[in-house]
Amino acid sequence: MARDRITISLDRSQAERIRRHAERAGMDVSAYLVHAATRQMAETEAIEEQFAGVDGLIAAAEREAAVLPPEPDVAAGEVTEQERREIEAALALVRGEDRARGGTGEAA
């Protein structure tokens, strides 16, 4: 079987760490790196496969949203104070602000 050679450059400390791990695993550096890369590729492919359906739904939603007309501007006076608080609470949830300050995740 023909083999390809791939040359990589890395910091001396990284190279030494890889050598130590390869030795502990009973492998030479090449086999260790191939094993690690193959394992990472399999993990990435499994994740991509698992989320392919969700990614498709997101892409479809983005296509649909791209053709929607823009929302009309709402004057500040058209939103009640309660609605404004609910909007702010919802936006805080989207931005993750309520978790950062230990909130319950419930809208005001």
Protein backbone atom coordinates (compact mmCIF):
# COMPACT_ATOMS: atom_id res chain seq x y z
CA MET A 1 0.00 0.00 0.00
CA ALA A 2 1.40 3.38 -1.01
CA ARG A 3 1.84 5.88 1.79
CA ASP A 4 1.80 9.66 1.73
CA ARG A 5 4.01 11.70 3.99
CA ILE A 6 2.58 14.76 5.74
CA THR A 7 4.96 17.14 7.43
CA ILE A 8 3.76 19.26 10.33
CA SER A 9 5.41 22.00 12.34
CA LEU A 10 4.72 22.56 15.99
CA ASP A 11 6.24 23.98 19.12
CA ARG A 12 8.92 21.89 20.79
CA SER A 13 6.77 21.55 23.92
CA GLN A 14 3.85 20.25 21.86
CA ALA A 15 6.09 17.77 20.07
CA GLU A 16 7.51 16.50 23.34
CA ARG A 17 4.05 16.12 24.83
CA ILE A 18 2.89 14.15 21.79
CA ARG A 19 5.96 11.91 22.03
CA ARG A 20 5.24 11.18 25.70
CA HIS A 21 1.59 10.36 25.01
CA ALA A 22 2.51 8.15 22.07
CA GLU A 23 5.03 6.29 24.20
CA ARG A 24 2.47 5.76 26.99
CA ALA A 25 0.05 4.40 24.38
CA GLY A 26 2.72 2.04 23.06
CA MET A 27 2.76 3.68 19.63
CA ASP A 28 5.22 5.56 17.52
CA VAL A 29 4.42 9.23 16.92
CA SER A 30 3.08 8.65 13.40
CA ALA A 31 0.68 5.92 14.49
CA TYR A 32 -0.41 7.99 17.47
CA LEU A 33 -1.16 11.06 15.36
CA VAL A 34 -3.00 9.00 12.74
CA HIS A 35 -5.05 7.36 15.49
CA ALA A 36 -5.86 10.73 17.10
CA ALA A 37 -6.80 12.35 13.79
CA THR A 38 -8.91 9.38 12.70
CA ARG A 39 -10.74 9.39 16.03
CA GLN A 40 -11.38 13.14 15.77
CA MET A 41 -12.66 12.79 12.19
CA ALA A 42 -15.05 10.00 13.20
CA GLU A 43 -16.35 12.10 16.10
CA THR A 44 -16.85 15.14 13.86
CA GLU A 45 -18.64 13.07 11.20
CA ALA A 46 -20.93 11.51 13.82
CA ILE A 47 -21.83 14.95 15.18
CA GLU A 48 -22.45 16.32 11.70
CA GLU A 49 -24.67 13.34 10.90
CA GLN A 50 -26.60 13.72 14.14
CA PHE A 51 -27.27 17.41 13.52
CA ALA A 52 -27.84 17.22 9.75
CA GLY A 53 -31.61 17.35 10.20
CA VAL A 54 -31.40 20.37 12.49
CA ASP A 55 -28.98 22.08 10.12
CA GLY A 56 -31.46 21.47 7.29
CA LEU A 57 -34.29 23.00 9.30
CA ILE A 58 -32.18 26.04 10.12
CA ALA A 59 -31.20 26.50 6.48
CA ALA A 60 -34.87 26.23 5.41
CA ALA A 61 -35.93 28.76 8.08
CA GLU A 62 -33.19 31.14 6.95
CA ARG A 63 -34.34 30.85 3.32
CA GLU A 64 -37.93 31.54 4.38
CA ALA A 65 -36.88 34.49 6.53
CA ALA A 66 -34.87 36.00 3.67
CA VAL A 67 -38.03 36.53 1.60
CA LEU A 68 -40.24 37.86 4.39
CA PRO A 69 -41.15 41.53 4.20
CA PRO A 70 -39.47 43.70 6.81
CA GLU A 71 -41.38 44.18 10.03
CA PRO A 72 -43.01 47.57 10.29
CA ASP A 73 -41.46 50.03 12.69
CA VAL A 74 -43.44 50.26 15.89
CA ALA A 75 -43.50 53.61 17.55
CA ALA A 76 -42.48 53.56 21.21
CA GLY A 77 -45.97 54.70 22.20
CA GLU A 78 -47.56 51.64 20.58
CA VAL A 79 -45.94 49.21 23.02
CA THR A 80 -47.24 49.02 26.55
CA GLU A 81 -44.85 49.09 29.47
CA GLN A 82 -45.66 45.42 30.21
CA GLU A 83 -44.94 44.47 26.58
CA ARG A 84 -41.66 46.40 26.71
CA ARG A 85 -40.60 44.49 29.88
CA GLU A 86 -41.53 41.18 28.25
CA ILE A 87 -39.55 42.07 25.13
CA GLU A 88 -36.51 43.04 27.21
CA ALA A 89 -36.77 39.80 29.22
CA ALA A 90 -37.02 37.74 26.02
CA LEU A 91 -34.03 39.50 24.49
CA ALA A 92 -32.05 38.92 27.69
CA LEU A 93 -32.81 35.20 27.41
CA VAL A 94 -31.66 35.15 23.79
CA ARG A 95 -28.43 36.91 24.73
CA GLY A 96 -27.93 34.59 27.71
CA GLU A 97 -27.91 37.49 30.14
CA ASP A 98 -30.33 35.90 32.60
CA ARG A 99 -28.03 32.87 33.08
CA ALA A 100 -25.01 35.09 33.62
CA ARG A 101 -26.71 36.83 36.51
CA GLY A 102 -28.37 33.69 37.91
CA GLY A 103 -31.91 34.35 36.69
CA THR A 104 -34.68 31.79 36.54
CA GLY A 105 -35.14 31.99 32.78
CA GLU A 106 -38.72 33.22 33.11
CA ALA A 107 -39.95 36.38 31.45
CA ALA A 108 -41.00 39.31 33.63
